[in-house]
């Protein structure tokens, strides 16, 4: 079974890989990706969703097509949407949404 930590590590790796060949690599601060958090909060949104926090930015995205429900991540937002479209990511998030109550609504 997938965990939020697995998804956080996957997103961190994806973000650093996507930006590693950027023309402005010197100005990119990869340390901000050390604190990526992914969780779900049924109290705030009833629709299946996931929440991503990168540094001080937070975005809420639907599991149905990764449409934004709230917040925003700035530049990284397009990369999160691209990460969501990778094989297996959506399935893992849906698995966590439907998992037992111990994993629901927990912010890791």
Protein backbone atom coordinates (compact mmCIF):
# COMPACT_ATOMS: atom_id res chain seq x y z
CA UNK A 1 0.00 0.00 0.00
CA UNK A 2 1.19 3.48 -0.83
CA UNK A 3 1.98 5.99 1.89
CA UNK A 4 2.05 9.77 1.90
CA UNK A 5 5.81 9.59 2.50
CA UNK A 6 6.26 7.52 -0.68
CA UNK A 7 4.35 10.11 -2.68
CA UNK A 8 6.28 13.00 -1.09
CA UNK A 9 9.57 11.34 -2.04
CA UNK A 10 8.26 10.70 -5.56
CA UNK A 11 7.22 14.33 -6.00
CA UNK A 12 10.50 15.64 -4.58
CA UNK A 13 12.48 13.45 -6.96
CA UNK A 14 10.30 14.48 -9.89
CA UNK A 15 10.64 18.22 -9.13
CA UNK A 16 14.41 18.08 -8.82
CA UNK A 17 14.77 15.96 -11.98
CA UNK A 18 12.54 18.26 -14.01
CA UNK A 19 14.52 21.33 -12.98
CA UNK A 20 18.01 19.85 -13.05
CA UNK A 21 18.53 20.80 -16.68
CA UNK A 22 16.89 24.22 -16.43
CA UNK A 23 18.83 27.18 -17.75
CA UNK A 24 18.61 28.86 -14.34
CA UNK A 25 19.90 25.89 -12.35
CA UNK A 26 22.11 28.19 -10.24
CA UNK A 27 19.10 30.10 -8.95
CA UNK A 28 17.01 27.03 -8.12
CA UNK A 29 16.85 26.18 -4.42
CA UNK A 30 16.33 22.45 -4.12
CA UNK A 31 16.40 22.53 -0.31
CA UNK A 32 12.85 23.90 -0.27
CA UNK A 33 11.73 20.50 -1.55
CA UNK A 34 13.00 18.80 1.62
CA UNK A 35 9.79 19.78 3.39
CA UNK A 36 7.21 18.72 0.79
CA UNK A 37 4.02 17.52 2.45
CA UNK A 38 1.11 15.68 0.85
CA UNK A 39 -2.09 14.90 2.74
CA UNK A 40 -5.89 14.81 2.50
CA UNK A 41 -8.38 16.67 4.67
CA UNK A 42 -12.00 15.53 4.39
CA UNK A 43 -13.03 18.23 6.81
CA UNK A 44 -12.15 20.99 4.34
CA UNK A 45 -13.12 19.32 1.06
CA UNK A 46 -15.58 16.48 0.55
CA UNK A 47 -14.49 15.85 -3.02
CA UNK A 48 -11.61 13.37 -3.40
CA UNK A 49 -8.49 15.53 -3.34
CA UNK A 50 -4.90 15.84 -2.21
CA UNK A 51 -3.08 18.79 -0.68
CA UNK A 52 0.52 19.67 -1.49
CA UNK A 53 2.64 22.05 0.58
CA UNK A 54 5.98 23.21 -0.77
CA UNK A 55 7.75 25.63 1.53
CA UNK A 56 5.06 28.19 2.44
CA UNK A 57 2.82 27.56 -0.58
CA UNK A 58 -0.12 25.17 -0.49
CA UNK A 59 -2.41 23.90 -3.23
CA UNK A 60 -5.46 21.62 -3.14
CA UNK A 61 -6.08 19.46 -6.20
CA UNK A 62 -8.94 17.18 -7.20
CA UNK A 63 -8.24 13.50 -7.81
CA UNK A 64 -10.50 13.86 -10.86
CA UNK A 65 -8.11 15.41 -13.34
CA UNK A 66 -5.95 17.39 -10.89
CA UNK A 67 -8.06 20.53 -11.15
CA UNK A 68 -7.19 23.12 -8.55
CA UNK A 69 -9.72 23.42 -5.71
CA UNK A 70 -7.86 26.03 -3.70
CA UNK A 71 -4.55 27.70 -2.99
CA UNK A 72 -1.64 27.69 -5.39
CA UNK A 73 1.98 26.65 -5.72
CA UNK A 74 3.25 29.24 -8.16
CA UNK A 75 5.87 27.93 -10.56
CA UNK A 76 5.77 24.40 -9.14
CA UNK A 77 2.03 24.05 -9.83
CA UNK A 78 2.52 22.98 -13.43
CA UNK A 79 5.11 20.44 -12.30
CA UNK A 80 2.74 18.98 -9.70
CA UNK A 81 0.09 18.56 -12.40
CA UNK A 82 2.67 16.90 -14.66
CA UNK A 83 3.70 14.59 -11.76
CA UNK A 84 0.04 13.69 -11.16
CA UNK A 85 -0.26 12.51 -14.77
CA UNK A 86 2.57 9.98 -14.35
CA UNK A 87 1.61 6.31 -14.33
CA UNK A 88 0.59 5.09 -10.90
CA UNK A 89 0.44 8.41 -9.04
CA UNK A 90 -3.31 8.89 -9.40
CA UNK A 91 -3.93 5.27 -8.39
CA UNK A 92 -1.80 5.63 -5.26
CA UNK A 93 -3.62 8.83 -4.28
CA UNK A 94 -7.01 7.17 -4.81
CA UNK A 95 -5.85 4.23 -2.71
CA UNK A 96 -4.97 6.60 0.13
CA UNK A 97 -8.32 8.39 -0.22
CA UNK A 98 -10.16 5.09 0.14
CA UNK A 99 -7.92 3.64 2.85
CA UNK A 100 -8.93 3.06 6.45
CA UNK A 101 -9.55 5.99 8.81
CA UNK A 102 -6.04 5.85 10.26
CA UNK A 103 -4.60 7.31 7.06
CA UNK A 104 -7.39 9.76 6.33
CA UNK A 105 -7.15 13.38 7.33
CA UNK A 106 -3.61 12.99 8.57
CA UNK A 107 -1.06 15.64 7.81
CA UNK A 108 2.36 14.06 7.83
